[in-house]
Each structure stands twice: as C-alpha cells, then as structure tokens.
C-alpha cells in the first residue's frame, strides 16, 4: 500500500508524484492502493496527483483504489466531478 504525504499542494505535488510513481510498479497484486489517511494540507494539485497515479496503475493493468481519504478531499473531488474516476474516495 502506498501512502500520500501529509501535504500535497502545488509546491509539493511534483515531488509527491515522482516518489509515488516510482513505487507503483512495485505494488504486488492486481490493485494499487493509496492510503490518504495522513493527508492534512492539500489543494486541487492533490487531485491531479491521484488522477496520474490512477493512470499509471491502469497502464500496468492494475486497478486503483484510494482509501481513508479526508472528507474535504472527497468534497473537492465531488466539486470537480472526479469522484467516479477514483475507485474509493471518502
């Protein structure tokens, strides 16, 4: 299981994505699961990171699941109409 850092704003998004993207190929099984329970500070850049990680997982033939997302992240995803793109959010 991969873990989002505590902060994913525009300032941290590129670094967070690079780190998480390197870990995606090493995920065993048919699913890449991303734990967002530690995410405290974020902006819409976090959604971009999630969508890119989902794309990377799918490119490897794997499902993508986001678990333990903060309610505010789920609200942001709903606001932008992205909830259907993320397997589990909230």
PDB file of N, CA and C in Angstrom:
ATOM      1  N   UNK A   1       0.842  -1.172   0.000  1.00  0.00           N
ATOM      2  CA  UNK A   1       0.000   0.000   0.000  1.00  0.00           C
ATOM      3  C   UNK A   1       0.891   1.241   0.000  1.00  0.00           C
ATOM      4  N   UNK A   2       0.535   2.182  -0.865  1.00  0.00           N
ATOM      5  CA  UNK A   2       1.245   3.445  -0.927  1.00  0.00           C
ATOM      6  C   UNK A   2       0.571   4.440   0.013  1.00  0.00           C
ATOM      7  N   UNK A   3       1.307   5.461   0.408  1.00  0.00           N
ATOM      8  CA  UNK A   3       0.777   6.454   1.349  1.00  0.00           C
ATOM      9  C   UNK A   3       1.030   7.861   0.830  1.00  0.00           C
ATOM     10  N   UNK A   4      -0.024   8.669   0.816  1.00  0.00           N
ATOM     11  CA  UNK A   4       0.134  10.078   0.460  1.00  0.00           C
ATOM     12  C   UNK A   4       0.834  10.802   1.593  1.00  0.00           C
ATOM     13  N   UNK A   5       1.671  11.779   1.271  1.00  0.00           N
ATOM     14  CA  UNK A   5       2.287  12.578   2.335  1.00  0.00           C
ATOM     15  C   UNK A   5       1.246  13.467   3.013  1.00  0.00           C
ATOM     16  N   UNK A   6       1.629  14.092   4.089  1.00  0.00           N
ATOM     17  CA  UNK A   6       0.708  14.943   4.858  1.00  0.00           C
ATOM     18  C   UNK A   6       0.309  16.199   4.092  1.00  0.00           C
ATOM     19  N   UNK A   7       1.182  16.681   3.239  1.00  0.00           N
ATOM     20  CA  UNK A   7       0.904  17.898   2.479  1.00  0.00           C
ATOM     21  C   UNK A   7       1.087  17.648   0.993  1.00  0.00           C
ATOM     22  N   UNK A   8       0.045  17.954   0.221  1.00  0.00           N
ATOM     23  CA  UNK A   8       0.131  17.884  -1.242  1.00  0.00           C
ATOM     24  C   UNK A   8      -0.555  19.134  -1.791  1.00  0.00           C
ATOM     25  N   UNK A   9       0.249  20.184  -1.921  1.00  0.00           N
ATOM     26  CA  UNK A   9      -0.211  21.417  -2.557  1.00  0.00           C
ATOM     27  C   UNK A   9       0.602  21.581  -3.831  1.00  0.00           C
ATOM     28  N   UNK A  10       0.369  22.652  -4.533  1.00  0.00           N
ATOM     29  CA  UNK A  10       1.100  22.860  -5.781  1.00  0.00           C
ATOM     30  C   UNK A  10       2.618  22.826  -5.562  1.00  0.00           C
ATOM     31  N   UNK A  11       3.068  23.243  -4.392  1.00  0.00           N
ATOM     32  CA  UNK A  11       4.506  23.262  -4.094  1.00  0.00           C
ATOM     33  C   UNK A  11       5.089  21.859  -3.932  1.00  0.00           C
ATOM     34  N   UNK A  12       4.288  20.910  -3.462  1.00  0.00           N
ATOM     35  CA  UNK A  12       4.785  19.544  -3.197  1.00  0.00           C
ATOM     36  C   UNK A  12       4.320  18.511  -4.219  1.00  0.00           C
ATOM     37  N   UNK A  13       3.372  18.863  -5.065  1.00  0.00           N
ATOM     38  CA  UNK A  13       2.734  17.871  -5.930  1.00  0.00           C
ATOM     39  C   UNK A  13       3.707  17.130  -6.841  1.00  0.00           C
ATOM     40  N   UNK A  14       4.611  17.838  -7.486  1.00  0.00           N
ATOM     41  CA  UNK A  14       5.547  17.182  -8.413  1.00  0.00           C
ATOM     42  C   UNK A  14       6.431  16.175  -7.689  1.00  0.00           C
ATOM     43  N   UNK A  15       6.959  16.558  -6.548  1.00  0.00           N
ATOM     44  CA  UNK A  15       7.826  15.652  -5.783  1.00  0.00           C
ATOM     45  C   UNK A  15       7.035  14.459  -5.269  1.00  0.00           C
ATOM     46  N   UNK A  16       5.827  14.698  -4.782  1.00  0.00           N
ATOM     47  CA  UNK A  16       4.992  13.592  -4.289  1.00  0.00           C
ATOM     48  C   UNK A  16       4.665  12.626  -5.413  1.00  0.00           C
ATOM     49  N   UNK A  17       4.331  13.166  -6.575  1.00  0.00           N
ATOM     50  CA  UNK A  17       4.013  12.312  -7.715  1.00  0.00           C
ATOM     51  C   UNK A  17       5.223  11.498  -8.149  1.00  0.00           C
ATOM     52  N   UNK A  18       6.389  12.124  -8.229  1.00  0.00           N
ATOM     53  CA  UNK A  18       7.600  11.389  -8.622  1.00  0.00           C
ATOM     54  C   UNK A  18       7.850  10.214  -7.681  1.00  0.00           C
ATOM     55  N   UNK A  19       7.766  10.471  -6.389  1.00  0.00           N
ATOM     56  CA  UNK A  19       8.028   9.424  -5.398  1.00  0.00           C
ATOM     57  C   UNK A  19       7.005   8.299  -5.493  1.00  0.00           C
ATOM     58  N   UNK A  20       5.747   8.654  -5.558  1.00  0.00           N
ATOM     59  CA  UNK A  20       4.692   7.635  -5.621  1.00  0.00           C
ATOM     60  C   UNK A  20       4.721   6.884  -6.952  1.00  0.00           C
ATOM     61  N   UNK A  21       4.997   7.584  -8.040  1.00  0.00           N
ATOM     62  CA  UNK A  21       5.050   6.941  -9.359  1.00  0.00           C
ATOM     63  C   UNK A  21       6.151   5.894  -9.416  1.00  0.00           C
ATOM     64  N   UNK A  22       7.267   6.162  -8.748  1.00  0.00           N
ATOM     65  CA  UNK A  22       8.356   5.162  -8.709  1.00  0.00           C
ATOM     66  C   UNK A  22       7.924   3.904  -7.970  1.00  0.00           C
ATOM     67  N   UNK A  23       7.015   4.052  -7.020  1.00  0.00           N
ATOM     68  CA  UNK A  23       6.587   2.914  -6.211  1.00  0.00           C
ATOM     69  C   UNK A  23       5.483   2.077  -6.869  1.00  0.00           C
ATOM     70  N   UNK A  24       4.756   2.652  -7.807  1.00  0.00           N
ATOM     71  CA  UNK A  24       3.620   1.944  -8.424  1.00  0.00           C
ATOM     72  C   UNK A  24       4.022   0.601  -9.028  1.00  0.00           C
ATOM     73  N   UNK A  25       5.103   0.523  -9.810  1.00  0.00           N
ATOM     74  CA  UNK A  25       5.447  -0.775 -10.413  1.00  0.00           C
ATOM     75  C   UNK A  25       5.748  -1.874  -9.386  1.00  0.00           C
ATOM     76  N   UNK A  26       6.162  -1.494  -8.202  1.00  0.00           N
ATOM     77  CA  UNK A  26       6.485  -2.475  -7.175  1.00  0.00           C
ATOM     78  C   UNK A  26       5.289  -3.014  -6.407  1.00  0.00           C
ATOM     79  N   UNK A  27       4.120  -2.432  -6.632  1.00  0.00           N
ATOM     80  CA  UNK A  27       2.924  -2.890  -5.927  1.00  0.00           C
ATOM     81  C   UNK A  27       2.510  -4.265  -6.433  1.00  0.00           C
ATOM     82  N   UNK A  28       2.380  -5.193  -5.518  1.00  0.00           N
ATOM     83  CA  UNK A  28       2.011  -6.567  -5.858  1.00  0.00           C
ATOM     84  C   UNK A  28       0.500  -6.670  -6.029  1.00  0.00           C
ATOM     85  N   UNK A  29       0.078  -7.650  -6.776  1.00  0.00           N
ATOM     86  CA  UNK A  29      -1.348  -7.894  -6.950  1.00  0.00           C
ATOM     87  C   UNK A  29      -1.946  -7.078  -8.078  1.00  0.00           C
ATOM     88  N   UNK A  30      -3.266  -7.126  -8.147  1.00  0.00           N
ATOM     89  CA  UNK A  30      -3.994  -6.503  -9.250  1.00  0.00           C
ATOM     90  C   UNK A  30      -4.459  -5.088  -8.935  1.00  0.00           C
ATOM     91  N   UNK A  31      -4.075  -4.565  -7.775  1.00  0.00           N
ATOM     92  CA  UNK A  31      -4.565  -3.257  -7.377  1.00  0.00           C
ATOM     93  C   UNK A  31      -3.456  -2.426  -6.751  1.00  0.00           C
ATOM     94  N   UNK A  32      -3.469  -1.154  -7.069  1.00  0.00           N
ATOM     95  CA  UNK A  32      -2.603  -0.181  -6.400  1.00  0.00           C
ATOM     96  C   UNK A  32      -3.501   0.564  -5.426  1.00  0.00           C
ATOM     97  N   UNK A  33      -3.205   0.421  -4.138  1.00  0.00           N
ATOM     98  CA  UNK A  33      -3.997   1.072  -3.104  1.00  0.00           C
ATOM     99  C   UNK A  33      -3.198   2.220  -2.520  1.00  0.00           C
ATOM    100  N   UNK A  34      -3.851   3.364  -2.422  1.00  0.00           N
ATOM    101  CA  UNK A  34      -3.212   4.570  -1.913  1.00  0.00           C
ATOM    102  C   UNK A  34      -3.939   5.019  -0.656  1.00  0.00           C
ATOM    103  N   UNK A  35      -3.224   5.052   0.450  1.00  0.00           N
ATOM    104  CA  UNK A  35      -3.786   5.462   1.742  1.00  0.00           C
ATOM    105  C   UNK A  35      -3.624   6.974   1.897  1.00  0.00           C
ATOM    106  N   UNK A  36      -4.747   7.656   2.074  1.00  0.00           N
ATOM    107  CA  UNK A  36      -4.720   9.110   2.222  1.00  0.00           C
ATOM    108  C   UNK A  36      -5.008   9.546   3.652  1.00  0.00           C
ATOM    109  N   UNK A  37      -4.929   8.635   4.595  1.00  0.00           N
ATOM    110  CA  UNK A  37      -5.301   8.963   5.975  1.00  0.00           C
ATOM    111  C   UNK A  37      -4.406  10.027   6.600  1.00  0.00           C
ATOM    112  N   UNK A  38      -3.179  10.162   6.145  1.00  0.00           N
ATOM    113  CA  UNK A  38      -2.266  11.145   6.710  1.00  0.00           C
ATOM    114  C   UNK A  38      -2.332  12.501   6.034  1.00  0.00           C
ATOM    115  N   UNK A  39      -3.138  12.612   4.980  1.00  0.00           N
ATOM    116  CA  UNK A  39      -3.227  13.862   4.231  1.00  0.00           C
ATOM    117  C   UNK A  39      -3.948  14.926   5.055  1.00  0.00           C
ATOM    118  N   UNK A  40      -3.252  16.019   5.325  1.00  0.00           N
ATOM    119  CA  UNK A  40      -3.803  17.077   6.175  1.00  0.00           C
ATOM    120  C   UNK A  40      -3.972  18.381   5.399  1.00  0.00           C
ATOM    121  N   UNK A  41      -2.987  18.729   4.613  1.00  0.00           N
ATOM    122  CA  UNK A  41      -2.988  20.010   3.888  1.00  0.00           C
ATOM    123  C   UNK A  41      -2.879  19.718   2.398  1.00  0.00           C
ATOM    124  N   UNK A  42      -3.846  20.219   1.627  1.00  0.00           N
ATOM    125  CA  UNK A  42      -3.844  19.920   0.198  1.00  0.00           C
ATOM    126  C   UNK A  42      -4.667  20.958  -0.553  1.00  0.00           C
ATOM    127  N   UNK A  43      -4.478  20.958  -1.861  1.00  0.00           N
ATOM    128  CA  UNK A  43      -5.290  21.780  -2.751  1.00  0.00           C
ATOM    129  C   UNK A  43      -5.641  20.913  -3.961  1.00  0.00           C
ATOM    130  N   UNK A  44      -6.098  21.531  -5.016  1.00  0.00           N
ATOM    131  CA  UNK A  44      -6.517  20.752  -6.183  1.00  0.00           C
ATOM    132  C   UNK A  44      -5.366  19.969  -6.815  1.00  0.00           C
ATOM    133  N   UNK A  45      -4.144  20.337  -6.503  1.00  0.00           N
ATOM    134  CA  UNK A  45      -2.992  19.578  -7.010  1.00  0.00           C
ATOM    135  C   UNK A  45      -3.032  18.134  -6.540  1.00  0.00           C
ATOM    136  N   UNK A  46      -3.587  17.900  -5.377  1.00  0.00           N
ATOM    137  CA  UNK A  46      -3.706  16.527  -4.874  1.00  0.00           C
ATOM    138  C   UNK A  46      -4.569  15.690  -5.810  1.00  0.00           C
ATOM    139  N   UNK A  47      -5.619  16.285  -6.354  1.00  0.00           N
ATOM    140  CA  UNK A  47      -6.467  15.549  -7.301  1.00  0.00           C
ATOM    141  C   UNK A  47      -5.686  15.187  -8.561  1.00  0.00           C
ATOM    142  N   UNK A  48      -4.854  16.103  -9.032  1.00  0.00           N
ATOM    143  CA  UNK A  48      -4.031  15.818 -10.210  1.00  0.00           C
ATOM    144  C   UNK A  48      -3.080  14.661  -9.938  1.00  0.00           C
ATOM    145  N   UNK A  49      -2.495  14.629  -8.752  1.00  0.00           N
ATOM    146  CA  UNK A  49      -1.604  13.523  -8.368  1.00  0.00           C
ATOM    147  C   UNK A  49      -2.382  12.212  -8.364  1.00  0.00           C
ATOM    148  N   UNK A  50      -3.565  12.217  -7.782  1.00  0.00           N
ATOM    149  CA  UNK A  50      -4.377  10.998  -7.726  1.00  0.00           C
ATOM    150  C   UNK A  50      -4.745  10.505  -9.118  1.00  0.00           C
ATOM    151  N   UNK A  51      -5.142  11.406  -9.978  1.00  0.00           N
ATOM    152  CA  UNK A  51      -5.524  11.005 -11.332  1.00  0.00           C
ATOM    153  C   UNK A  51      -4.335  10.434 -12.101  1.00  0.00           C
ATOM    154  N   UNK A  52      -3.171  11.020 -11.936  1.00  0.00           N
ATOM    155  CA  UNK A  52      -1.984  10.495 -12.620  1.00  0.00           C
ATOM    156  C   UNK A  52      -1.592   9.128 -12.066  1.00  0.00           C
ATOM    157  N   UNK A  53      -1.701   8.945 -10.763  1.00  0.00           N
ATOM    158  CA  UNK A  53      -1.400   7.632 -10.187  1.00  0.00           C
ATOM    159  C   UNK A  53      -2.386   6.582 -10.683  1.00  0.00           C
ATOM    160  N   UNK A  54      -3.645   6.966 -10.809  1.00  0.00           N
ATOM    161  CA  UNK A  54      -4.634   6.038 -11.357  1.00  0.00           C
ATOM    162  C   UNK A  54      -4.262   5.664 -12.793  1.00  0.00           C
ATOM    163  N   UNK A  55      -3.867   6.656 -13.578  1.00  0.00           N
ATOM    164  CA  UNK A  55      -3.470   6.396 -14.962  1.00  0.00           C
ATOM    165  C   UNK A  55      -2.270   5.448 -15.022  1.00  0.00           C
ATOM    166  N   UNK A  56      -1.294   5.672 -14.153  1.00  0.00           N
ATOM    167  CA  UNK A  56      -0.114   4.803 -14.125  1.00  0.00           C
ATOM    168  C   UNK A  56      -0.478   3.375 -13.730  1.00  0.00           C
ATOM    169  N   UNK A  57      -1.359   3.239 -12.758  1.00  0.00           N
ATOM    170  CA  UNK A  57      -1.796   1.904 -12.340  1.00  0.00           C
ATOM    171  C   UNK A  57      -2.509   1.201 -13.488  1.00  0.00           C
ATOM    172  N   UNK A  58      -3.405   1.906 -14.145  1.00  0.00           N
ATOM    173  CA  UNK A  58      -4.152   1.305 -15.247  1.00  0.00           C
ATOM    174  C   UNK A  58      -3.232   0.936 -16.411  1.00  0.00           C
ATOM    175  N   UNK A  59      -2.193   1.719 -16.644  1.00  0.00           N
ATOM    176  CA  UNK A  59      -1.239   1.420 -17.708  1.00  0.00           C
ATOM    177  C   UNK A  59      -0.518   0.105 -17.447  1.00  0.00           C
ATOM    178  N   UNK A  60      -0.474  -0.300 -16.187  1.00  0.00           N
ATOM    179  CA  UNK A  60       0.140  -1.576 -15.822  1.00  0.00           C
ATOM    180  C   UNK A  60      -0.905  -2.667 -15.647  1.00  0.00           C
ATOM    181  N   UNK A  61      -2.137  -2.378 -16.027  1.00  0.00           N
ATOM    182  CA  UNK A  61      -3.207  -3.364 -15.939  1.00  0.00           C
ATOM    183  C   UNK A  61      -3.739  -3.569 -14.535  1.00  0.00           C
ATOM    184  N   UNK A  62      -3.546  -2.587 -13.679  1.00  0.00           N
ATOM    185  CA  UNK A  62      -3.992  -2.699 -12.289  1.00  0.00           C
ATOM    186  C   UNK A  62      -5.132  -1.726 -12.003  1.00  0.00           C
ATOM    187  N   UNK A  63      -5.955  -2.088 -11.039  1.00  0.00           N
ATOM    188  CA  UNK A  63      -6.986  -1.170 -10.544  1.00  0.00           C
ATOM    189  C   UNK A  63      -6.327  -0.187  -9.586  1.00  0.00           C
ATOM    190  N   UNK A  64      -7.015   0.912  -9.339  1.00  0.00           N
ATOM    191  CA  UNK A  64      -6.531   1.932  -8.420  1.00  0.00           C
ATOM    192  C   UNK A  64      -7.593   2.162  -7.363  1.00  0.00           C
ATOM    193  N   UNK A  65      -7.192   2.185  -6.108  1.00  0.00           N
ATOM    194  CA  UNK A  65      -8.130   2.463  -5.019  1.00  0.00           C
ATOM    195  C   UNK A  65      -7.513   3.472  -4.063  1.00  0.00           C
ATOM    196  N   UNK A  66      -8.280   4.478  -3.751  1.00  0.00           N
ATOM    197  CA  UNK A  66      -7.894   5.467  -2.748  1.00  0.00           C
ATOM    198  C   UNK A  66      -8.683   5.155  -1.490  1.00  0.00           C
ATOM    199  N   UNK A  67      -7.982   4.970  -0.377  1.00  0.00           N
ATOM    200  CA  UNK A  67      -8.665   4.639   0.877  1.00  0.00           C
ATOM    201  C   UNK A  67      -8.344   5.675   1.945  1.00  0.00           C
ATOM    202  N   UNK A  68      -9.269   5.813   2.874  1.00  0.00           N
ATOM    203  CA  UNK A  68      -9.113   6.705   4.028  1.00  0.00           C
ATOM    204  C   UNK A  68      -8.902   8.161   3.624  1.00  0.00           C
ATOM    205  N   UNK A  69      -9.607   8.580   2.596  1.00  0.00           N
ATOM    206  CA  UNK A  69      -9.484   9.970   2.151  1.00  0.00           C
ATOM    207  C   UNK A  69     -10.187  10.898   3.131  1.00  0.00           C
ATOM    208  N   UNK A  70      -9.574  12.035   3.429  1.00  0.00           N
ATOM    209  CA  UNK A  70     -10.241  13.021   4.280  1.00  0.00           C
ATOM    210  C   UNK A  70     -11.535  13.500   3.615  1.00  0.00           C
ATOM    211  N   UNK A  71     -12.507  13.846   4.411  1.00  0.00           N
ATOM    212  CA  UNK A  71     -13.801  14.295   3.882  1.00  0.00           C
ATOM    213  C   UNK A  71     -13.640  15.501   2.956  1.00  0.00           C
ATOM    214  N   UNK A  72     -12.730  16.399   3.293  1.00  0.00           N
ATOM    215  CA  UNK A  72     -12.518  17.583   2.447  1.00  0.00           C
ATOM    216  C   UNK A  72     -11.997  17.211   1.068  1.00  0.00           C
ATOM    217  N   UNK A  73     -11.173  16.156   0.974  1.00  0.00           N
ATOM    218  CA  UNK A  73     -10.685  15.700  -0.328  1.00  0.00           C
ATOM    219  C   UNK A  73     -11.833  15.104  -1.131  1.00  0.00           C
ATOM    220  N   UNK A  74     -12.669  14.330  -0.479  1.00  0.00           N
ATOM    221  CA  UNK A  74     -13.834  13.760  -1.147  1.00  0.00           C
ATOM    222  C   UNK A  74     -14.749  14.873  -1.651  1.00  0.00           C
ATOM    223  N   UNK A  75     -14.927  15.915  -0.834  1.00  0.00           N
ATOM    224  CA  UNK A  75     -15.748  17.062  -1.242  1.00  0.00           C
ATOM    225  C   UNK A  75     -15.151  17.758  -2.462  1.00  0.00           C
ATOM    226  N   UNK A  76     -13.843  17.927  -2.460  1.00  0.00           N
ATOM    227  CA  UNK A  76     -13.158  18.571  -3.576  1.00  0.00           C
ATOM    228  C   UNK A  76     -13.313  17.737  -4.853  1.00  0.00           C
ATOM    229  N   UNK A  77     -13.176  16.432  -4.729  1.00  0.00           N
ATOM    230  CA  UNK A  77     -13.347  15.548  -5.884  1.00  0.00           C
ATOM    231  C   UNK A  77     -14.773  15.646  -6.424  1.00  0.00           C
ATOM    232  N   UNK A  78     -15.747  15.688  -5.527  1.00  0.00           N
ATOM    233  CA  UNK A  78     -17.140  15.836  -5.964  1.00  0.00           C
ATOM    234  C   UNK A  78     -17.357  17.172  -6.672  1.00  0.00           C
ATOM    235  N   UNK A  79     -16.787  18.231  -6.135  1.00  0.00           N
ATOM    236  CA  UNK A  79     -16.916  19.564  -6.715  1.00  0.00           C
ATOM    237  C   UNK A  79     -16.439  19.588  -8.165  1.00  0.00           C
ATOM    238  N   UNK A  80     -15.359  18.874  -8.441  1.00  0.00           N
ATOM    239  CA  UNK A  80     -14.786  18.841  -9.783  1.00  0.00           C
ATOM    240  C   UNK A  80     -15.311  17.684 -10.622  1.00  0.00           C
ATOM    241  N   UNK A  81     -16.262  16.928 -10.097  1.00  0.00           N
ATOM    242  CA  UNK A  81     -16.844  15.817 -10.846  1.00  0.00           C
ATOM    243  C   UNK A  81     -15.903  14.645 -11.030  1.00  0.00           C
ATOM    244  N   UNK A  82     -14.965  14.462 -10.111  1.00  0.00           N
ATOM    245  CA  UNK A  82     -13.950  13.422 -10.247  1.00  0.00           C
ATOM    246  C   UNK A  82     -14.211  12.173  -9.417  1.00  0.00           C
ATOM    247  N   UNK A  83     -15.234  12.186  -8.602  1.00  0.00           N
ATOM    248  CA  UNK A  83     -15.490  11.027  -7.750  1.00  0.00           C
ATOM    249  C   UNK A  83     -15.586   9.722  -8.549  1.00  0.00           C
ATOM    250  N   UNK A  84     -16.275   9.709  -9.696  1.00  0.00           N
ATOM    251  CA  UNK A  84     -16.353   8.444 -10.454  1.00  0.00           C
ATOM    252  C   UNK A  84     -15.009   7.946 -10.969  1.00  0.00           C
ATOM    253  N   UNK A  85     -14.047   8.830 -11.113  1.00  0.00           N
ATOM    254  CA  UNK A  85     -12.739   8.420 -11.617  1.00  0.00           C
ATOM    255  C   UNK A  85     -11.876   7.759 -10.549  1.00  0.00           C
ATOM    256  N   UNK A  86     -12.225   7.949  -9.300  1.00  0.00           N
ATOM    257  CA  UNK A  86     -11.455   7.393  -8.205  1.00  0.00           C
ATOM    258  C   UNK A  86     -12.276   6.261  -7.579  1.00  0.00           C
ATOM    259  N   UNK A  87     -11.717   5.078  -7.555  1.00  0.00           N
ATOM    260  CA  UNK A  87     -12.445   3.891  -7.131  1.00  0.00           C
ATOM    261  C   UNK A  87     -13.133   4.068  -5.788  1.00  0.00           C
ATOM    262  N   UNK A  88     -12.396   4.499  -4.796  1.00  0.00           N
ATOM    263  CA  UNK A  88     -12.993   4.731  -3.483  1.00  0.00           C
ATOM    264  C   UNK A  88     -12.403   6.019  -2.945  1.00  0.00           C
ATOM    265  N   UNK A  89     -13.245   6.942  -2.666  1.00  0.00           N
ATOM    266  CA  UNK A  89     -12.775   8.186  -2.093  1.00  0.00           C
ATOM    267  C   UNK A  89     -13.729   8.572  -0.984  1.00  0.00           C
ATOM    268  N   UNK A  90     -13.192   8.807   0.155  1.00  0.00           N
ATOM    269  CA  UNK A  90     -14.032   9.193   1.280  1.00  0.00           C
ATOM    270  C   UNK A  90     -14.020   8.160   2.366  1.00  0.00           C
TER     271      UNK A  90
END
